[in-house]
N, C-alpha and C. Protein backbone atom coordinates (compact mmCIF):
# COMPACT_ATOMS: atom_id res chain seq x y z
N MET A 1 0.56 -1.27 0.10
CA MET A 1 0.08 -0.22 0.10
C MET A 1 0.93 1.47 0.06
N LYS A 2 1.90 0.80 0.49
CA LYS A 2 2.62 2.46 0.49
C LYS A 2 2.89 3.06 -0.76
N HIS A 3 3.15 1.99 -1.98
CA HIS A 3 3.58 3.14 -3.47
C HIS A 3 2.36 2.99 -3.63
N ILE A 4 0.76 3.45 -3.12
CA ILE A 4 -0.13 4.00 -3.90
C ILE A 4 0.10 5.57 -4.51
N LYS A 5 -0.10 5.84 -5.09
CA LYS A 5 -0.07 7.56 -5.17
C LYS A 5 -1.99 8.16 -4.77
N VAL A 6 -1.48 9.44 -4.80
CA VAL A 6 -2.51 10.86 -4.61
C VAL A 6 -3.24 10.12 -5.52
N ALA A 7 -3.09 10.37 -6.96
CA ALA A 7 -3.66 10.24 -8.19
C ALA A 7 -4.58 8.85 -8.12
N ASP A 8 -4.29 7.78 -7.43
CA ASP A 8 -5.38 6.95 -7.50
C ASP A 8 -6.36 6.73 -6.08
N LEU A 9 -6.11 7.71 -5.47
CA LEU A 9 -6.99 7.71 -4.28
C LEU A 9 -8.28 8.91 -4.59
N MET A 10 -7.78 9.98 -5.44
CA MET A 10 -9.03 10.90 -5.46
C MET A 10 -10.04 11.07 -5.59
N SER A 11 -10.66 11.96 -5.51
CA SER A 11 -12.51 12.15 -5.33
C SER A 11 -12.43 13.03 -6.30
N ASP A 12 -13.46 12.79 -7.49
CA ASP A 12 -13.93 14.01 -8.08
C ASP A 12 -14.93 14.56 -8.58
N GLU A 13 -15.59 14.13 -7.03
CA GLU A 13 -16.63 15.43 -6.49
C GLU A 13 -16.15 16.68 -5.87
N VAL A 14 -15.87 17.54 -6.64
CA VAL A 14 -15.25 18.53 -6.14
C VAL A 14 -16.19 20.01 -5.49
N VAL A 15 -16.26 20.21 -4.88
CA VAL A 15 -17.30 21.52 -4.06
C VAL A 15 -15.80 22.84 -4.31
N SER A 16 -16.19 24.03 -4.29
CA SER A 16 -14.98 25.03 -4.01
C SER A 16 -15.86 26.43 -4.07
N VAL A 17 -15.40 27.31 -3.59
CA VAL A 17 -16.08 28.43 -3.54
C VAL A 17 -15.05 29.89 -3.95
N ALA A 18 -15.55 31.16 -4.26
CA ALA A 18 -14.72 32.01 -4.43
C ALA A 18 -14.69 33.09 -3.66
N PRO A 19 -13.56 33.59 -3.41
CA PRO A 19 -13.40 34.57 -1.88
C PRO A 19 -14.82 35.65 -1.85
N GLY A 20 -15.08 35.60 -2.89
CA GLY A 20 -16.15 36.66 -2.16
C GLY A 20 -17.74 35.65 -1.82
N THR A 21 -18.30 34.50 -1.85
CA THR A 21 -18.93 33.35 -1.55
C THR A 21 -19.21 34.09 0.30
N ALA A 22 -20.78 34.89 0.36
CA ALA A 22 -21.07 34.46 1.99
C ALA A 22 -20.64 33.46 2.35
N PHE A 23 -20.99 34.26 3.91
CA PHE A 23 -20.34 32.89 4.94
C PHE A 23 -21.62 31.97 5.28
N LYS A 24 -22.73 32.47 4.56
CA LYS A 24 -23.84 31.36 4.86
C LYS A 24 -24.16 30.53 3.90
N ASP A 25 -24.05 31.40 2.61
CA ASP A 25 -23.54 30.47 1.56
C ASP A 25 -22.29 29.10 1.59
N ILE A 26 -21.66 29.35 2.36
CA ILE A 26 -20.39 27.91 2.76
C ILE A 26 -21.05 27.26 3.65
N ALA A 27 -21.90 27.78 4.97
CA ALA A 27 -22.38 26.61 5.54
C ALA A 27 -23.26 25.62 4.71
N LYS A 28 -23.93 26.74 3.75
CA LYS A 28 -25.54 25.67 3.41
C LYS A 28 -24.91 24.65 2.60
N LEU A 29 -23.51 24.71 2.19
CA LEU A 29 -22.22 23.81 1.07
C LEU A 29 -22.02 22.85 1.56
N LEU A 30 -20.97 23.40 2.88
CA LEU A 30 -20.69 22.22 3.91
C LEU A 30 -22.02 21.12 4.33
N ALA A 31 -23.24 22.05 4.62
CA ALA A 31 -24.25 20.83 5.47
C ALA A 31 -24.49 20.04 4.06
N GLN A 32 -24.94 20.72 2.71
CA GLN A 32 -25.51 20.00 1.55
C GLN A 32 -24.61 18.72 0.71
N TYR A 33 -23.56 18.59 1.39
CA TYR A 33 -22.86 18.18 0.84
C TYR A 33 -22.09 17.26 2.15
N ASP A 34 -22.06 17.50 3.40
CA ASP A 34 -21.68 16.64 4.55
C ASP A 34 -20.31 16.84 4.16
N ILE A 35 -19.74 17.56 3.88
CA ILE A 35 -18.20 17.76 4.27
C ILE A 35 -17.62 18.97 5.08
N SER A 36 -16.44 18.70 5.45
CA SER A 36 -15.83 19.33 6.44
C SER A 36 -15.02 20.76 6.32
N GLY A 37 -14.75 20.63 4.98
CA GLY A 37 -14.40 22.21 4.44
C GLY A 37 -14.84 22.18 2.61
N VAL A 38 -14.31 23.49 2.39
CA VAL A 38 -14.32 23.83 0.75
C VAL A 38 -13.03 24.52 0.72
N PRO A 39 -12.59 24.25 -0.92
CA PRO A 39 -11.31 25.57 -0.87
C PRO A 39 -11.62 26.42 -1.66
N VAL A 40 -10.96 27.68 -1.73
CA VAL A 40 -11.34 28.80 -2.11
C VAL A 40 -10.23 29.19 -3.77
N LEU A 41 -10.89 28.96 -4.24
CA LEU A 41 -10.57 29.42 -5.87
C LEU A 41 -10.63 30.68 -6.66
N ASP A 42 -9.20 31.33 -6.76
CA ASP A 42 -9.31 32.66 -7.02
C ASP A 42 -9.88 33.04 -8.50
N ASP A 43 -9.63 33.83 -9.42
CA ASP A 43 -9.96 34.25 -10.61
C ASP A 43 -9.37 32.82 -11.78
N GLU A 44 -8.36 32.47 -11.37
CA GLU A 44 -7.83 31.85 -12.59
C GLU A 44 -7.53 30.16 -12.06
N ASP A 45 -8.38 29.68 -11.20
CA ASP A 45 -8.57 28.42 -10.80
C ASP A 45 -7.57 28.00 -9.42
N ARG A 46 -6.80 29.03 -9.19
CA ARG A 46 -5.57 28.58 -7.84
C ARG A 46 -6.07 28.21 -6.64
N VAL A 47 -6.05 27.47 -6.09
CA VAL A 47 -6.16 27.75 -4.71
C VAL A 47 -5.34 28.17 -3.84
N VAL A 48 -6.31 29.35 -3.24
CA VAL A 48 -5.59 30.37 -2.25
C VAL A 48 -6.43 30.58 -0.99
N GLY A 49 -6.93 28.96 -0.69
CA GLY A 49 -7.09 28.95 0.87
C GLY A 49 -8.30 28.21 0.61
N VAL A 50 -8.72 27.59 2.33
CA VAL A 50 -9.51 26.59 2.25
C VAL A 50 -10.59 27.10 3.72
N VAL A 51 -12.04 26.81 3.93
CA VAL A 51 -12.51 27.56 4.61
C VAL A 51 -13.05 25.82 5.18
N SER A 52 -12.76 26.24 6.40
CA SER A 52 -13.34 24.35 7.39
C SER A 52 -14.54 25.08 8.28
N GLN A 53 -15.33 23.93 9.06
CA GLN A 53 -15.87 24.55 9.57
C GLN A 53 -15.65 25.07 10.74
N THR A 54 -14.33 24.64 11.51
CA THR A 54 -13.46 25.27 12.23
C THR A 54 -13.90 26.95 12.37
N ASP A 55 -13.13 27.25 10.74
CA ASP A 55 -12.83 28.34 10.55
C ASP A 55 -14.53 29.16 10.32
N LEU A 56 -15.76 28.50 10.18
CA LEU A 56 -17.13 29.20 10.29
C LEU A 56 -17.23 29.28 11.83
N LEU A 57 -17.09 28.23 12.51
CA LEU A 57 -17.37 28.22 14.15
C LEU A 57 -16.72 29.38 14.74
N ALA A 58 -15.63 29.79 14.31
CA ALA A 58 -14.68 30.46 15.00
C ALA A 58 -15.19 32.38 15.03
N ARG A 59 -16.10 32.61 13.58
CA ARG A 59 -16.41 33.63 13.18
C ARG A 59 -18.06 33.72 13.82
N ALA A 60 -18.34 32.80 14.09
CA ALA A 60 -20.17 32.45 14.20
C ALA A 60 -21.03 33.53 15.17
N ALA A 61 -21.25 34.34 15.48
CA ALA A 61 -22.49 35.79 16.39
C ALA A 61 -23.74 34.35 16.73
N PRO A 62 -24.27 35.22 17.79
CA PRO A 62 -25.23 34.61 18.41
C PRO A 62 -26.64 34.77 17.53
N GLY A 63 -26.17 36.34 16.65
CA GLY A 63 -27.54 36.12 16.07
C GLY A 63 -27.41 35.63 14.89
N PRO A 64 -28.73 34.89 14.08
CA PRO A 64 -28.86 34.06 13.01
C PRO A 64 -27.58 35.12 11.21
N ASP A 65 -28.19 36.02 11.31
CA ASP A 65 -27.89 36.93 9.99
C ASP A 65 -27.00 38.15 10.43
N THR A 66 -26.06 38.00 11.80
CA THR A 66 -25.33 39.30 11.84
C THR A 66 -23.91 38.47 12.75
N PHE A 67 -23.17 39.22 12.05
CA PHE A 67 -21.96 38.70 13.11
C PHE A 67 -21.43 40.43 13.87
N ARG A 68 -20.63 40.32 14.95
CA ARG A 68 -19.97 41.41 15.40
C ARG A 68 -18.72 41.14 15.69
N LEU A 69 -18.03 42.41 15.42
CA LEU A 69 -16.55 42.95 15.47
C LEU A 69 -16.42 43.58 16.66
N ASN A 70 -15.57 43.68 17.39
CA ASN A 70 -15.51 44.84 18.66
C ASN A 70 -16.78 44.98 19.21
N GLY A 71 -17.57 44.60 19.47
CA GLY A 71 -19.06 44.61 19.93
C GLY A 71 -19.95 45.49 18.81
N THR A 72 -19.81 45.54 17.79
CA THR A 72 -20.20 46.30 17.23
C THR A 72 -20.53 45.28 16.21
N GLU A 73 -22.35 45.68 15.45
CA GLU A 73 -22.49 44.69 14.23
C GLU A 73 -21.96 44.87 12.73
N ALA A 74 -21.18 43.95 11.96
CA ALA A 74 -20.61 44.23 10.62
C ALA A 74 -20.95 43.17 9.79
N GLU A 75 -21.04 43.21 8.53
CA GLU A 75 -21.30 43.00 7.69
C GLU A 75 -20.81 41.34 7.68
N PRO A 76 -21.83 40.28 7.18
CA PRO A 76 -20.80 38.81 7.45
C PRO A 76 -20.03 38.70 6.28
N PRO A 77 -18.98 37.79 6.84
CA PRO A 77 -17.69 37.87 6.48
C PRO A 77 -17.85 36.81 5.20
N THR A 78 -16.53 37.05 4.17
CA THR A 78 -16.85 36.09 2.79
C THR A 78 -15.96 35.44 3.18
N ALA A 79 -15.67 34.55 2.48
CA ALA A 79 -14.81 33.03 2.02
C ALA A 79 -13.26 33.90 2.03
N GLY A 80 -13.10 34.80 1.54
CA GLY A 80 -12.05 34.95 1.66
C GLY A 80 -11.39 36.45 3.14
N GLY A 81 -12.23 36.09 3.98
CA GLY A 81 -12.32 36.89 5.51
C GLY A 81 -11.89 35.70 6.20
N VAL A 82 -12.62 34.71 5.98
CA VAL A 82 -13.07 33.41 7.11
C VAL A 82 -11.54 32.48 6.63
N MET A 83 -11.08 32.05 5.71
CA MET A 83 -10.39 30.91 4.89
C MET A 83 -8.99 30.98 5.66
N SER A 84 -8.29 29.79 5.67
CA SER A 84 -7.53 29.29 6.17
C SER A 84 -6.44 29.43 4.98
N ALA A 85 -5.23 30.29 5.31
CA ALA A 85 -4.20 30.17 4.11
C ALA A 85 -3.05 30.89 4.47
N PRO A 86 -1.85 30.31 3.70
CA PRO A 86 -2.13 29.82 2.50
C PRO A 86 -2.68 28.31 2.64
N ALA A 87 -3.23 27.41 1.63
CA ALA A 87 -3.42 26.18 1.86
C ALA A 87 -2.69 25.41 1.92
N VAL A 88 -3.08 24.16 1.93
CA VAL A 88 -2.43 22.93 2.70
C VAL A 88 -2.55 22.05 1.22
N THR A 89 -2.04 21.58 0.29
CA THR A 89 -2.18 20.89 -0.48
C THR A 89 -0.99 20.32 -0.78
N VAL A 90 -1.58 19.48 -1.74
CA VAL A 90 -0.29 18.19 -2.33
C VAL A 90 -0.54 17.51 -3.36
N ARG A 91 0.23 16.81 -4.30
CA ARG A 91 0.61 17.03 -5.50
C ARG A 91 0.21 15.69 -6.20
N ALA A 92 -0.09 15.01 -7.80
CA ALA A 92 -1.01 14.02 -7.23
C ALA A 92 -0.09 12.89 -7.73
N GLU A 93 0.92 12.97 -7.76
CA GLU A 93 2.38 12.22 -7.95
C GLU A 93 2.87 11.58 -6.46
N GLU A 94 2.29 12.71 -5.18
CA GLU A 94 3.15 12.08 -4.19
C GLU A 94 2.13 10.65 -3.67
N THR A 95 3.27 9.75 -2.66
CA THR A 95 2.40 9.08 -1.93
C THR A 95 1.00 9.18 -1.21
N ALA A 96 0.24 8.07 -1.40
CA ALA A 96 -1.14 8.31 -0.36
C ALA A 96 -0.64 8.16 1.30
N ALA A 97 0.70 7.38 1.30
CA ALA A 97 1.16 7.58 2.94
C ALA A 97 1.72 9.10 3.13
N ASP A 98 2.54 9.96 2.55
CA ASP A 98 2.67 10.77 2.66
C ASP A 98 1.63 11.89 2.86
N ALA A 99 0.92 11.82 2.23
CA ALA A 99 -0.59 12.36 2.22
C ALA A 99 -1.20 12.46 3.63
N ALA A 100 -1.39 10.90 3.99
CA ALA A 100 -1.94 10.92 5.18
C ALA A 100 -0.99 11.65 6.38
N ARG A 101 0.20 11.72 6.10
CA ARG A 101 0.89 12.01 7.23
C ARG A 101 0.81 13.60 7.42
N LEU A 102 0.79 13.97 6.13
CA LEU A 102 0.35 15.68 6.05
C LEU A 102 -0.75 16.18 7.04
N MET A 103 -1.64 15.17 6.60
CA MET A 103 -3.09 15.55 7.00
C MET A 103 -2.69 15.47 8.34
N THR A 104 -2.50 14.27 8.85
CA THR A 104 -2.49 14.27 10.49
C THR A 104 -1.57 15.33 11.16
N ARG A 105 -0.25 15.90 10.29
CA ARG A 105 0.66 16.73 11.23
C ARG A 105 -0.18 17.81 11.26
N ARG A 106 -0.98 18.29 9.77
CA ARG A 106 -1.89 19.77 9.72
C ARG A 106 -2.78 19.67 10.76
N GLY A 107 -3.46 18.66 11.24
CA GLY A 107 -5.03 18.27 11.01
C GLY A 107 -6.30 18.24 10.84
N ILE A 108 -5.96 17.86 9.35
CA ILE A 108 -7.24 18.66 8.41
C ILE A 108 -7.63 17.35 8.50
N GLU A 109 -8.92 17.28 7.56
CA GLU A 109 -9.78 16.17 7.05
C GLU A 109 -9.71 16.23 5.41
N ARG A 110 -9.59 17.27 5.08
CA ARG A 110 -9.57 17.19 3.40
C ARG A 110 -8.22 17.92 3.08
N LEU A 111 -7.76 17.65 1.41
CA LEU A 111 -6.85 18.00 1.35
C LEU A 111 -6.75 18.41 -0.14
N PRO A 112 -6.81 19.37 -0.99
CA PRO A 112 -7.12 19.71 -2.20
C PRO A 112 -5.37 19.11 -2.78
N VAL A 113 -5.75 18.72 -3.90
CA VAL A 113 -4.66 17.82 -4.88
C VAL A 113 -4.54 19.04 -5.99
N VAL A 114 -3.50 19.36 -6.50
CA VAL A 114 -2.98 20.10 -7.41
C VAL A 114 -2.23 19.62 -8.70
N ASP A 115 -2.76 19.94 -9.65
CA ASP A 115 -1.52 19.52 -10.57
C ASP A 115 -0.46 20.75 -11.32
N VAL A 116 0.53 20.14 -12.19
CA VAL A 116 1.85 21.00 -11.95
C VAL A 116 1.87 22.29 -12.32
N GLU A 117 0.47 23.11 -12.23
CA GLU A 117 0.30 24.20 -12.86
C GLU A 117 -0.80 24.82 -12.04
N ASP A 118 -0.60 23.82 -10.02
CA ASP A 118 -1.17 24.78 -9.31
C ASP A 118 -2.96 24.39 -9.30
N LEU A 119 -3.61 23.93 -10.43
CA LEU A 119 -4.85 23.74 -10.41
C LEU A 119 -5.24 22.90 -9.52
N LEU A 120 -6.87 23.08 -8.77
CA LEU A 120 -7.65 22.37 -8.24
C LEU A 120 -8.08 20.93 -8.77
N ARG A 121 -7.83 19.85 -8.73
CA ARG A 121 -8.40 18.59 -9.24
C ARG A 121 -9.26 17.97 -8.26
N MET A 122 -9.22 17.63 -7.59
CA MET A 122 -9.78 16.98 -6.22
C MET A 122 -9.51 16.67 -5.25
N PHE A 123 -10.31 16.37 -4.40
CA PHE A 123 -10.03 16.18 -2.91
C PHE A 123 -9.93 14.49 -2.43
N LEU A 124 -9.01 14.39 -1.87
CA LEU A 124 -8.63 12.90 -1.01
C LEU A 124 -10.33 12.80 -0.74
N ARG A 125 -10.88 11.45 -0.69
CA ARG A 125 -11.67 10.95 0.07
C ARG A 125 -11.87 11.32 1.43
N PRO A 126 -13.50 11.67 1.95
CA PRO A 126 -13.12 12.13 3.43
C PRO A 126 -13.46 10.34 4.11
N ASP A 127 -12.91 10.96 5.79
CA ASP A 127 -12.87 9.42 6.41
C ASP A 127 -14.53 9.09 6.65
N SER A 128 -15.24 9.94 6.97
CA SER A 128 -16.40 9.57 6.95
C SER A 128 -16.98 8.59 5.65
N GLU A 129 -16.67 8.94 4.72
CA GLU A 129 -17.69 7.96 3.21
C GLU A 129 -16.64 6.78 2.97
N ILE A 130 -15.81 6.71 3.77
CA ILE A 130 -14.84 5.58 3.26
C ILE A 130 -15.31 4.55 4.22
N ARG A 131 -15.81 5.03 5.34
CA ARG A 131 -16.52 4.20 6.86
C ARG A 131 -17.94 4.05 6.55
N ARG A 132 -18.53 4.56 5.38
CA ARG A 132 -19.72 4.27 5.02
C ARG A 132 -19.70 2.87 3.82
N ARG A 133 -18.96 3.35 2.96
CA ARG A 133 -18.82 2.59 1.66
C ARG A 133 -18.51 1.24 2.68
N ILE A 134 -17.29 0.98 3.32
CA ILE A 134 -17.03 -0.42 3.89
C ILE A 134 -18.36 -1.07 5.28
N THR A 135 -19.07 -0.10 6.03
CA THR A 135 -19.81 -0.83 6.31
C THR A 135 -21.27 -0.93 5.66
N SER A 136 -21.58 -0.41 4.64
CA SER A 136 -22.43 -0.62 3.49
C SER A 136 -22.46 -1.76 2.69
N GLU A 137 -21.54 -1.03 1.63
CA GLU A 137 -21.10 -1.54 0.61
C GLU A 137 -20.08 -3.11 0.76
N VAL A 138 -19.52 -3.44 1.59
CA VAL A 138 -18.41 -4.49 1.90
C VAL A 138 -19.64 -5.38 2.90
N LEU A 139 -19.57 -4.98 4.21
CA LEU A 139 -20.15 -5.54 5.17
C LEU A 139 -21.26 -6.04 5.19
N THR A 140 -22.26 -5.51 4.59
CA THR A 140 -23.49 -5.81 4.73
C THR A 140 -23.82 -5.99 3.23
N ASP A 141 -23.50 -5.34 2.44
CA ASP A 141 -24.30 -5.94 1.02
C ASP A 141 -23.00 -7.14 0.39
N ALA A 142 -21.65 -7.07 0.38
CA ALA A 142 -20.99 -8.18 -0.15
C ALA A 142 -20.97 -9.71 0.72
N LEU A 143 -20.78 -9.01 1.96
CA LEU A 143 -20.64 -9.85 2.98
C LEU A 143 -21.74 -10.57 3.66
N GLY A 144 -22.65 -10.19 3.89
CA GLY A 144 -23.98 -10.61 4.74
C GLY A 144 -23.67 -10.41 6.00
N VAL A 145 -22.91 -9.90 6.41
CA VAL A 145 -22.57 -9.05 7.80
C VAL A 145 -23.40 -8.79 8.91
N PRO A 146 -23.43 -8.68 9.81
CA PRO A 146 -24.70 -8.47 10.58
C PRO A 146 -24.47 -7.11 10.66
N THR A 147 -25.06 -6.16 11.32
CA THR A 147 -24.87 -4.83 11.66
C THR A 147 -24.31 -5.02 12.89
N GLY A 148 -23.10 -4.07 13.68
CA GLY A 148 -22.65 -4.03 14.46
C GLY A 148 -21.61 -5.01 14.83
N ALA A 149 -21.45 -5.98 14.35
CA ALA A 149 -20.53 -7.21 14.06
C ALA A 149 -19.14 -7.13 13.83
N VAL A 150 -18.93 -5.90 13.37
CA VAL A 150 -17.88 -5.31 12.70
C VAL A 150 -17.33 -3.95 12.74
N GLU A 151 -16.43 -3.36 13.58
CA GLU A 151 -16.59 -1.82 14.07
C GLU A 151 -15.65 -1.13 13.02
N VAL A 152 -15.73 -0.57 12.50
CA VAL A 152 -14.61 0.41 11.32
C VAL A 152 -14.71 1.43 12.01
N HIS A 153 -13.04 1.75 11.93
CA HIS A 153 -12.84 2.93 12.43
C HIS A 153 -11.74 3.69 11.59
N VAL A 154 -11.96 4.80 11.08
CA VAL A 154 -10.66 5.21 9.61
C VAL A 154 -10.67 6.56 10.29
N VAL A 155 -9.12 6.99 10.28
CA VAL A 155 -8.76 7.90 10.09
C VAL A 155 -7.25 8.65 9.48
N ASP A 156 -7.43 9.39 8.77
CA ASP A 156 -6.59 9.54 7.33
C ASP A 156 -6.71 8.85 6.65
N GLY A 157 -7.88 8.02 6.06
CA GLY A 157 -7.46 6.79 5.06
C GLY A 157 -6.81 5.55 5.69
N ILE A 158 -6.81 5.74 6.91
CA ILE A 158 -6.18 4.22 7.88
C ILE A 158 -7.24 3.47 8.07
N VAL A 159 -7.27 2.04 8.07
CA VAL A 159 -9.28 1.68 8.36
C VAL A 159 -8.50 0.61 9.24
N THR A 160 -9.15 0.53 10.26
CA THR A 160 -8.94 -0.17 11.72
C THR A 160 -10.55 -1.00 11.77
N LEU A 161 -10.32 -2.49 11.44
CA LEU A 161 -11.52 -3.54 11.47
C LEU A 161 -11.01 -4.37 12.75
N ASP A 162 -12.40 -4.32 13.81
CA ASP A 162 -12.29 -4.72 14.87
C ASP A 162 -13.67 -5.85 15.22
N GLY A 163 -13.96 -6.98 15.34
CA GLY A 163 -14.80 -7.47 15.57
C GLY A 163 -14.96 -9.11 14.91
N GLN A 164 -16.38 -9.88 14.65
CA GLN A 164 -16.23 -11.26 14.58
C GLN A 164 -16.91 -11.29 12.98
N VAL A 165 -16.74 -12.57 12.24
CA VAL A 165 -17.71 -12.82 11.61
C VAL A 165 -18.00 -14.07 11.51
N GLU A 166 -18.60 -14.67 10.46
CA GLU A 166 -19.39 -16.31 10.93
C GLU A 166 -18.06 -17.26 10.79
N ARG A 167 -17.62 -16.63 9.45
CA ARG A 167 -16.36 -18.24 8.73
C ARG A 167 -15.08 -17.27 8.45
N ARG A 168 -14.13 -18.02 9.04
CA ARG A 168 -13.27 -18.05 8.68
C ARG A 168 -12.68 -17.89 6.88
N SER A 169 -13.49 -18.12 5.98
CA SER A 169 -13.06 -17.79 4.38
C SER A 169 -13.17 -16.54 4.15
N GLN A 170 -14.45 -15.99 4.93
CA GLN A 170 -14.63 -14.37 5.08
C GLN A 170 -13.64 -13.30 4.81
N LEU A 171 -12.68 -13.68 5.82
CA LEU A 171 -11.48 -12.99 6.59
C LEU A 171 -10.78 -12.44 5.04
N PRO A 172 -9.99 -12.97 4.56
CA PRO A 172 -9.48 -12.69 2.93
C PRO A 172 -10.29 -11.88 1.87
N VAL A 173 -11.55 -12.08 1.91
CA VAL A 173 -12.01 -11.48 0.93
C VAL A 173 -12.47 -9.92 1.64
N LEU A 174 -13.16 -9.90 3.01
CA LEU A 174 -13.08 -8.63 3.56
C LEU A 174 -11.82 -7.94 3.50
N LEU A 175 -10.57 -8.51 4.04
CA LEU A 175 -9.50 -7.61 3.91
C LEU A 175 -9.05 -6.72 2.51
N ARG A 176 -9.55 -7.98 1.11
CA ARG A 176 -9.18 -7.46 -0.26
C ARG A 176 -10.14 -6.73 -0.62
N LEU A 177 -11.23 -6.45 -0.19
CA LEU A 177 -12.26 -5.86 -0.71
C LEU A 177 -11.95 -4.67 0.12
N VAL A 178 -11.91 -4.10 1.19
CA VAL A 178 -11.69 -2.87 1.99
C VAL A 178 -10.44 -2.14 1.55
N GLU A 179 -9.12 -3.43 1.05
CA GLU A 179 -8.25 -2.81 0.38
C GLU A 179 -8.27 -2.15 -0.71
N HIS A 180 -9.33 -2.30 -1.65
CA HIS A 180 -9.20 -1.93 -3.05
C HIS A 180 -10.25 -0.55 -2.93
N LEU A 181 -10.73 -0.07 -1.69
CA LEU A 181 -11.84 0.93 -2.06
C LEU A 181 -10.92 2.13 -1.99
N GLU A 182 -11.65 2.88 -2.79
CA GLU A 182 -11.02 4.52 -2.67
C GLU A 182 -10.57 5.29 -1.96
N GLY A 183 -9.86 5.63 -1.94
CA GLY A 183 -8.95 6.25 -0.25
C GLY A 183 -8.85 5.79 0.73
N VAL A 184 -8.66 4.51 0.50
CA VAL A 184 -8.01 3.08 1.46
C VAL A 184 -6.34 3.50 1.37
N VAL A 185 -6.14 3.94 2.65
CA VAL A 185 -4.12 3.81 3.06
C VAL A 185 -3.30 2.83 3.02
N ALA A 186 -4.23 1.99 4.19
CA ALA A 186 -3.78 1.05 5.12
C ALA A 186 -5.00 0.17 5.64
N VAL A 187 -4.72 -0.98 6.23
CA VAL A 187 -5.64 -1.74 6.38
C VAL A 187 -5.33 -2.97 7.66
N ALA A 188 -5.72 -1.96 9.33
CA ALA A 188 -5.46 -3.28 10.41
C ALA A 188 -7.02 -3.66 10.95
N SER A 189 -6.62 -5.05 10.50
CA SER A 189 -7.69 -5.69 10.83
C SER A 189 -7.45 -7.36 12.24
N ARG A 190 -8.09 -6.47 13.02
CA ARG A 190 -8.30 -7.51 13.83
C ARG A 190 -9.56 -8.46 13.89
N VAL A 191 -10.02 -8.63 13.27
CA VAL A 191 -11.73 -9.50 12.81
C VAL A 191 -11.32 -11.00 13.33
N THR A 192 -11.97 -11.65 13.80
CA THR A 192 -12.24 -12.99 14.05
C THR A 192 -12.99 -13.99 13.47
N ALA A 193 -13.49 -15.22 13.41
CA ALA A 193 -14.37 -15.78 13.00
C ALA A 193 -14.62 -16.81 13.67
N ARG A 194 -15.92 -17.31 13.88
CA ARG A 194 -16.92 -17.87 14.68
C ARG A 194 -16.80 -19.33 14.46
N THR A 195 -16.64 -19.82 13.02
CA THR A 195 -16.18 -20.88 12.53
C THR A 195 -15.04 -20.91 11.55
N ASP A 196 -14.36 -21.97 11.45
CA ASP A 196 -13.50 -22.45 10.56
C ASP A 196 -13.26 -23.14 9.26
N ASP A 197 -14.43 -22.68 8.28
CA ASP A 197 -14.73 -23.56 7.00
C ASP A 197 -13.84 -23.78 6.35
N THR A 198 -12.38 -23.31 7.06
CA THR A 198 -11.37 -23.80 5.82
C THR A 198 -11.09 -25.33 5.83
N GLU A 199 -10.26 -25.78 7.31
CA GLU A 199 -10.28 -26.64 7.45
C GLU A 199 -11.23 -27.89 6.88
N SER A 200 -12.50 -27.70 6.58
CA SER A 200 -13.20 -28.54 5.95
C SER A 200 -12.97 -28.79 4.41
N ALA A 201 -12.94 -27.60 3.64
CA ALA A 201 -12.59 -27.55 2.47
C ALA A 201 -11.47 -28.17 2.07
N HIS A 202 -10.61 -27.86 2.87
CA HIS A 202 -9.02 -28.66 2.88
C HIS A 202 -9.29 -30.13 2.90
N ALA A 203 -10.42 -30.73 3.77
CA ALA A 203 -10.38 -32.29 4.27
C ALA A 203 -11.05 -32.46 2.23
N ASP A 204 -11.94 -31.83 2.23
CA ASP A 204 -12.88 -32.65 1.06
C ASP A 204 -12.02 -32.83 -0.09
N ARG A 205 -11.09 -31.70 -0.52
CA ARG A 205 -10.19 -31.54 -1.88
C ARG A 205 -9.23 -32.71 -1.15
N ALA A 206 -8.43 -32.91 0.00
CA ALA A 206 -7.56 -34.01 0.34
C ALA A 206 -8.76 -35.54 -0.35
N ARG A 207 -9.22 -35.85 0.26
CA ARG A 207 -10.62 -37.36 0.00
C ARG A 207 -10.84 -37.16 -1.13
N HIS A 208 -10.75 -36.25 -2.31
CA HIS A 208 -11.01 -36.13 -3.84
C HIS A 208 -9.65 -37.11 -4.48
N ALA A 209 -8.33 -36.43 -3.84
CA ALA A 209 -7.44 -36.44 -4.68
C ALA A 209 -7.00 -38.27 -4.01
N MET A 210 -7.41 -38.60 -3.59
CA MET A 210 -6.98 -39.98 -2.73
C MET A 210 -7.31 -41.13 -4.03
N PRO A 211 -6.39 -42.07 -4.36
CA PRO A 211 -6.78 -43.12 -5.46
C PRO A 211 -7.63 -43.76 -5.84
N TRP A 212 -8.36 -44.21 -4.28
CA TRP A 212 -9.41 -44.74 -4.26
C TRP A 212 -10.68 -44.46 -4.38
């Protein structure tokens, strides 16, 4: 997994704003797309900053439509006024492991990916989306594992699985499916099985191989 590139894990569902986008409109976008932040692009589509939920909460005031500055009401800020700048970005040719370490070190959940011309392309898939896909698509749909039987934790694309499935033969399938999900950097599995159906399979093959 250490040789996987950022380009292999990028999501093409990008939501961005301009420096003049209003505070309330940014908040609506975060809620609508269930994301933790958006990049701010200038007129030439260069990433000039990022607005996160933390940036919005730091500027929020008690009133729904007003903001306060030094005790007096002021116009609601725009993306250019609340964004964190310069933006922390990564290039598509860098390794996924390096990107995950950068996100951990800087305490961010979404990382803009730029090409050689510094144009925004995509975001690394957020941890919440990775967890949702593992839970619904892999555990429930593909393997038929009961809800809650396996706990899924995702931090910076690193997946930890803990719990129990019914059959031992499901374990390698689970690991393989999770490793190939878009956005997964590495997988640590502590999942066990109630029954070992691999022993009976080996016995059947051995019996059929006998010359009598």
